[in-house]
Protein backbone atom coordinates (compact mmCIF):
# COMPACT_ATOMS: atom_id res chain seq x y z
CA UNK A 1 -108.92 110.49 -38.41
CA UNK A 2 -108.91 107.07 -40.63
CA UNK A 3 -105.46 106.43 -41.34
CA UNK A 4 -104.50 105.23 -44.93
CA UNK A 5 -103.36 101.75 -44.75
CA UNK A 6 -100.15 102.74 -47.03
CA UNK A 7 -99.81 105.34 -44.37
CA UNK A 8 -100.38 102.75 -41.74
CA UNK A 9 -97.37 100.47 -43.00
CA UNK A 10 -94.98 103.83 -43.08
CA UNK A 11 -95.74 105.23 -39.93
CA UNK A 12 -95.16 101.86 -38.54
CA UNK A 13 -91.48 101.91 -40.67
CA UNK A 14 -90.37 105.24 -39.27
CA UNK A 15 -91.32 104.22 -35.55
CA UNK A 16 -89.20 101.00 -35.88
CA UNK A 17 -86.19 103.03 -37.24
CA UNK A 18 -86.09 105.68 -34.70
CA UNK A 19 -85.31 103.08 -31.67
CA UNK A 20 -82.60 101.28 -33.67
CA UNK A 21 -79.75 101.67 -31.20
CA UNK A 22 -75.96 100.91 -31.84
CA UNK A 23 -75.17 98.73 -28.52
CA UNK A 24 -72.18 96.84 -28.83
CA UNK A 25 -68.61 99.30 -29.33
CA UNK A 26 -67.73 98.15 -32.46
CA UNK A 27 -71.46 99.29 -33.99
CA UNK A 28 -70.59 102.16 -32.68
CA UNK A 29 -67.48 103.12 -34.87
CA UNK A 30 -69.63 102.71 -37.94
CA UNK A 31 -72.65 104.91 -35.67
CA UNK A 32 -71.41 108.35 -37.77
CA UNK A 33 -72.38 107.30 -41.17
CA UNK A 34 -75.20 105.09 -40.18
CA UNK A 35 -76.60 107.30 -38.20
CA UNK A 36 -76.90 110.23 -41.68
CA UNK A 37 -77.83 107.36 -43.82
CA UNK A 38 -80.60 106.43 -41.01
CA UNK A 39 -81.92 110.17 -41.40
CA UNK A 40 -81.89 110.59 -44.77
CA UNK A 41 -83.96 107.77 -44.74
CA UNK A 42 -86.14 108.68 -41.89
CA UNK A 43 -86.92 111.94 -43.78
CA UNK A 44 -88.32 110.77 -46.52
CA UNK A 45 -90.34 108.76 -45.23
CA UNK A 46 -91.64 111.11 -43.08
CA UNK A 47 -92.54 113.42 -46.36
CA UNK A 48 -94.24 110.03 -47.47
CA UNK A 49 -95.99 110.18 -45.10
CA UNK A 50 -97.35 113.66 -45.01
CA UNK A 51 -98.21 113.24 -48.55
CA UNK A 52 -100.22 110.05 -47.77
CA UNK A 53 -102.40 111.78 -45.01
CA UNK A 54 -102.93 114.68 -47.25
CA UNK A 55 -101.66 117.39 -44.98
CA UNK A 56 -99.34 120.44 -45.52
CA UNK A 57 -96.33 118.44 -46.40
CA UNK A 58 -97.96 117.53 -49.72
CA UNK A 59 -97.87 121.01 -51.31
CA UNK A 60 -94.37 122.38 -52.22
CA UNK A 61 -92.70 125.62 -50.83
CA UNK A 62 -90.35 128.28 -52.98
CA UNK A 63 -87.55 127.64 -50.41
CA UNK A 64 -86.35 125.70 -46.54
CA UNK A 65 -86.80 129.05 -45.03
CA UNK A 66 -90.80 129.45 -46.21
CA UNK A 67 -90.98 125.89 -44.79
CA UNK A 68 -89.07 126.71 -41.88
CA UNK A 69 -91.77 129.87 -41.43
CA UNK A 70 -94.54 127.60 -41.63
CA UNK A 71 -93.50 125.53 -38.46
CA UNK A 72 -91.32 122.97 -39.65
CA UNK A 73 -88.02 122.84 -37.51
CA UNK A 74 -86.66 119.73 -38.38
CA UNK A 75 -84.39 118.71 -40.72
CA UNK A 76 -85.30 116.54 -43.19
CA UNK A 77 -86.45 116.09 -47.06
CA UNK A 78 -89.01 118.78 -48.18
CA UNK A 79 -90.72 120.01 -51.35
CA UNK A 80 -89.90 122.83 -53.15
CA UNK A 81 -90.74 124.70 -55.83
CA UNK A 82 -88.45 127.97 -56.54
CA UNK A 83 -89.46 128.91 -59.81
CA UNK A 84 -93.47 128.39 -59.48
CA UNK A 85 -95.59 126.74 -61.99
CA UNK A 86 -94.23 127.99 -64.91
CA UNK A 87 -90.63 126.95 -64.31
CA UNK A 88 -88.98 123.73 -63.21
CA UNK A 89 -91.16 120.95 -61.98
CA UNK A 90 -90.81 120.58 -57.87
CA UNK A 91 -88.35 118.02 -56.15
CA UNK A 92 -87.24 116.81 -53.00
CA UNK A 93 -84.00 119.14 -51.03
CA UNK A 94 -82.64 118.68 -47.69
CA UNK A 95 -83.54 121.12 -45.36
CA UNK A 96 -80.75 121.79 -42.70
CA UNK A 97 -82.95 123.92 -40.38
CA UNK A 98 -80.40 124.09 -37.72
CA UNK A 99 -78.82 126.83 -39.21
CA UNK A 100 -79.95 130.35 -39.80
CA UNK A 101 -80.90 130.73 -42.47
CA UNK A 102 -81.83 127.12 -43.54
CA UNK A 103 -79.47 125.96 -45.85
CA UNK A 104 -80.57 123.54 -48.57
CA UNK A 105 -78.07 120.60 -49.17
CA UNK A 106 -77.52 118.67 -52.24
CA UNK A 107 -76.05 115.48 -52.04
CA UNK A 108 -74.04 113.53 -55.18
CA UNK A 109 -72.69 109.94 -55.80
CA UNK A 110 -68.84 111.04 -54.72
CA UNK A 111 -68.86 112.10 -51.24
CA UNK A 112 -66.81 109.80 -49.98
CA UNK A 113 -62.73 110.29 -49.94
CA UNK A 114 -61.32 108.54 -52.60
CA UNK A 115 -57.65 107.32 -53.65
CA UNK A 116 -56.50 108.08 -56.57
CA UNK A 117 -53.44 106.35 -58.23
CA UNK A 118 -51.79 104.84 -61.20
CA UNK A 119 -53.16 107.87 -63.41
CA UNK A 120 -49.48 109.87 -64.70
CA UNK A 121 -50.66 111.94 -67.50
CA UNK A 122 -52.24 115.26 -67.50
CA UNK A 123 -55.96 114.96 -66.33
CA UNK A 124 -55.47 110.88 -67.01
CA UNK A 125 -58.09 110.08 -64.76
CA UNK A 126 -62.01 111.29 -65.12
CA UNK A 127 -64.27 111.74 -62.44
CA UNK A 128 -67.90 112.72 -63.23
CA UNK A 129 -70.14 114.00 -60.60
CA UNK A 130 -73.89 113.07 -60.53
CA UNK A 131 -76.14 115.05 -57.83
CA UNK A 132 -79.08 113.87 -56.51
CA UNK A 133 -81.72 116.42 -58.61
CA UNK A 134 -81.20 117.27 -62.44
CA UNK A 135 -79.04 120.45 -63.03
CA UNK A 136 -82.30 122.35 -64.28
CA UNK A 137 -83.58 121.97 -60.56
CA UNK A 138 -79.95 122.75 -59.31
CA UNK A 139 -79.89 126.11 -60.90
CA UNK A 140 -83.58 127.04 -60.48
CA UNK A 141 -83.15 126.31 -55.82
CA UNK A 142 -79.35 128.81 -56.92
CA UNK A 143 -81.76 131.59 -58.27
CA UNK A 144 -83.68 131.40 -55.57
CA UNK A 145 -80.70 130.76 -52.74
CA UNK A 146 -78.83 133.25 -51.06
CA UNK A 147 -75.01 132.50 -51.18
CA UNK A 148 -73.84 128.95 -52.11
CA UNK A 149 -70.70 127.27 -51.61
CA UNK A 150 -68.63 123.54 -52.27
CA UNK A 151 -66.02 122.24 -50.31
CA UNK A 152 -63.15 120.21 -52.12
CA UNK A 153 -60.85 118.34 -50.21
CA UNK A 154 -57.38 117.51 -52.18
CA UNK A 155 -54.52 115.62 -50.39
CA UNK A 156 -51.31 114.69 -52.53
CA UNK A 157 -48.29 113.04 -51.56
CA UNK A 158 -45.61 113.11 -54.24
CA UNK A 159 -48.34 114.51 -56.57
CA UNK A 160 -48.12 118.12 -58.41
CA UNK A 161 -51.49 119.71 -59.63
CA UNK A 162 -49.62 122.77 -61.71
CA UNK A 163 -47.06 122.19 -63.97
CA UNK A 164 -43.64 124.22 -63.39
CA UNK A 165 -43.97 125.60 -66.65
CA UNK A 166 -47.35 126.39 -68.18
CA UNK A 167 -50.38 127.86 -65.84
CA UNK A 168 -52.88 126.34 -68.35
CA UNK A 169 -51.77 123.08 -68.83
CA UNK A 170 -52.06 121.43 -65.26
CA UNK A 171 -51.67 117.67 -64.33
CA UNK A 172 -55.21 118.06 -62.66
CA UNK A 173 -57.92 120.22 -62.78
CA UNK A 174 -62.17 121.09 -62.20
CA UNK A 175 -65.33 121.37 -63.79
CA UNK A 176 -67.47 123.80 -62.70
CA UNK A 177 -71.18 123.64 -64.03
CA UNK A 178 -69.81 121.76 -67.33
CA UNK A 179 -67.22 124.09 -68.02
CA UNK A 180 -63.16 123.22 -67.47
CA UNK A 181 -61.13 125.28 -65.21
CA UNK A 182 -57.69 125.02 -64.92
CA UNK A 183 -56.40 128.39 -64.18
CA UNK A 184 -56.63 128.18 -60.19
CA UNK A 185 -57.71 125.52 -57.99
CA UNK A 186 -61.01 125.67 -55.78
CA UNK A 187 -60.52 128.04 -52.71
CA UNK A 188 -57.78 130.07 -54.91
CA UNK A 189 -57.93 132.97 -57.08
CA UNK A 190 -59.29 133.03 -60.59
CA UNK A 191 -56.79 136.04 -61.69
CA UNK A 192 -53.87 135.00 -59.73
CA UNK A 193 -54.38 131.34 -59.94
CA UNK A 194 -53.09 128.64 -57.87
CA UNK A 195 -54.57 127.25 -54.42
CA UNK A 196 -56.26 128.87 -52.05
CA UNK A 197 -52.39 129.03 -50.08
CA UNK A 198 -51.04 131.51 -52.92
CA UNK A 199 -53.57 134.07 -52.44
CA UNK A 200 -51.25 134.64 -48.94
CA UNK A 201 -47.75 133.56 -50.46
CA UNK A 202 -48.18 130.73 -47.40
CA UNK A 203 -47.86 127.56 -49.68
CA UNK A 204 -45.04 124.69 -48.96
CA UNK A 205 -42.12 125.91 -50.93
CA UNK A 206 -43.32 129.01 -52.46
CA UNK A 207 -44.59 127.40 -54.99
CA UNK A 208 -48.66 128.20 -56.66
CA UNK A 209 -50.09 125.39 -54.21
CA UNK A 210 -49.13 123.13 -51.79
CA UNK A 211 -49.11 120.00 -53.48
CA UNK A 212 -46.26 121.34 -56.27
CA UNK A 213 -43.74 121.34 -53.09
CA UNK A 214 -43.81 117.16 -55.06
CA UNK A 215 -42.43 115.94 -51.75
CA UNK A 216 -43.41 112.66 -49.84
CA UNK A 217 -45.27 114.59 -47.26
CA UNK A 218 -48.70 114.40 -47.38
CA UNK A 219 -49.72 117.42 -47.94
CA UNK A 220 -53.12 119.37 -48.72
CA UNK A 221 -54.70 121.97 -51.22
CA UNK A 222 -58.86 122.46 -49.87
CA UNK A 223 -60.84 125.35 -50.84
CA UNK A 224 -64.73 126.47 -50.99
CA UNK A 225 -65.92 127.21 -54.77
CA UNK A 226 -68.49 130.14 -54.21
CA UNK A 227 -69.21 131.74 -57.67
CA UNK A 228 -72.69 130.25 -58.58
CA UNK A 229 -71.67 130.56 -62.40
CA UNK A 230 -69.10 127.35 -61.60
CA UNK A 231 -71.80 125.69 -59.10
CA UNK A 232 -71.80 122.78 -58.63
CA UNK A 233 -68.54 121.07 -59.47
CA UNK A 234 -69.04 118.49 -62.06
CA UNK A 235 -65.32 116.85 -62.50
CA UNK A 236 -62.13 116.13 -61.87
CA UNK A 237 -59.17 114.87 -63.87
CA UNK A 238 -56.25 114.13 -62.06
CA UNK A 239 -52.76 112.87 -62.91
CA UNK A 240 -49.87 112.40 -62.02
CA UNK A 241 -50.29 109.81 -59.88
CA UNK A 242 -48.69 106.76 -62.24
CA UNK A 243 -45.23 105.99 -60.14
CA UNK A 244 -45.40 104.05 -57.38
CA UNK A 245 -45.05 106.93 -54.53
CA UNK A 246 -47.43 109.54 -56.51
CA UNK A 247 -51.19 109.09 -55.23
CA UNK A 248 -53.85 111.37 -53.98
CA UNK A 249 -57.46 111.54 -52.19
CA UNK A 250 -60.34 113.67 -53.19
CA UNK A 251 -63.21 114.42 -50.46
CA UNK A 252 -65.74 116.02 -52.24
CA UNK A 253 -68.40 117.48 -50.25
CA UNK A 254 -72.53 118.70 -51.04
CA UNK A 255 -73.55 122.00 -52.40
CA UNK A 256 -74.88 123.70 -50.02
CA UNK A 257 -77.12 127.08 -50.55
CA UNK A 258 -78.30 129.22 -47.48
CA UNK A 259 -82.28 128.76 -48.81
């Protein structure tokens, strides 16, 4: 079989990427993040080679599980079309084939740990989340998937989440699928309010959230959102970080769906 010129170039690039190594100790410290970026690039290139060669990779499947059933066992980007010809257009998704069932991973632009300070007013800091694919694609994928979840890790120092006087007027809140959620934090109970620790009455100082202890210690209120009606998380609004000793850290993971 004669390879097309573009395919040959991509194959050569893949081979060169596969042989990259971090030999010195300082480089190894960066290895984790660089390895992830390298794998993402490699997966995308492998997919392009498959398309150029006219192989099975050029034909979309409904899900990551369908790809796995067809013998594709490596983690990587795969072309999916969850709702068929009459729905949204096909799109690339990262499939983690090491999980059972496989997990579709939708990344976004705010996954690194981010420090927030200098915003005292309620919800004064606004973080909008931009995903690697459209909201229509994400909705179609979730519709065909099993359970989905997204984890928010929130660390705080001298910064509270909820006002002591009002459950519906917090200093910080989140947006799920475009809807403002002010009554509970990711991981919390929608009916009880508060954070994950409040479900077991284990929050520091007997508050609704560990962060509401409002002391110099670095505390954490983290949890998963599992309600598909509120996925993905599309924004965060953060306040009470305006004083010198007040700040918070946000780490928002990708959307994960059993697919």
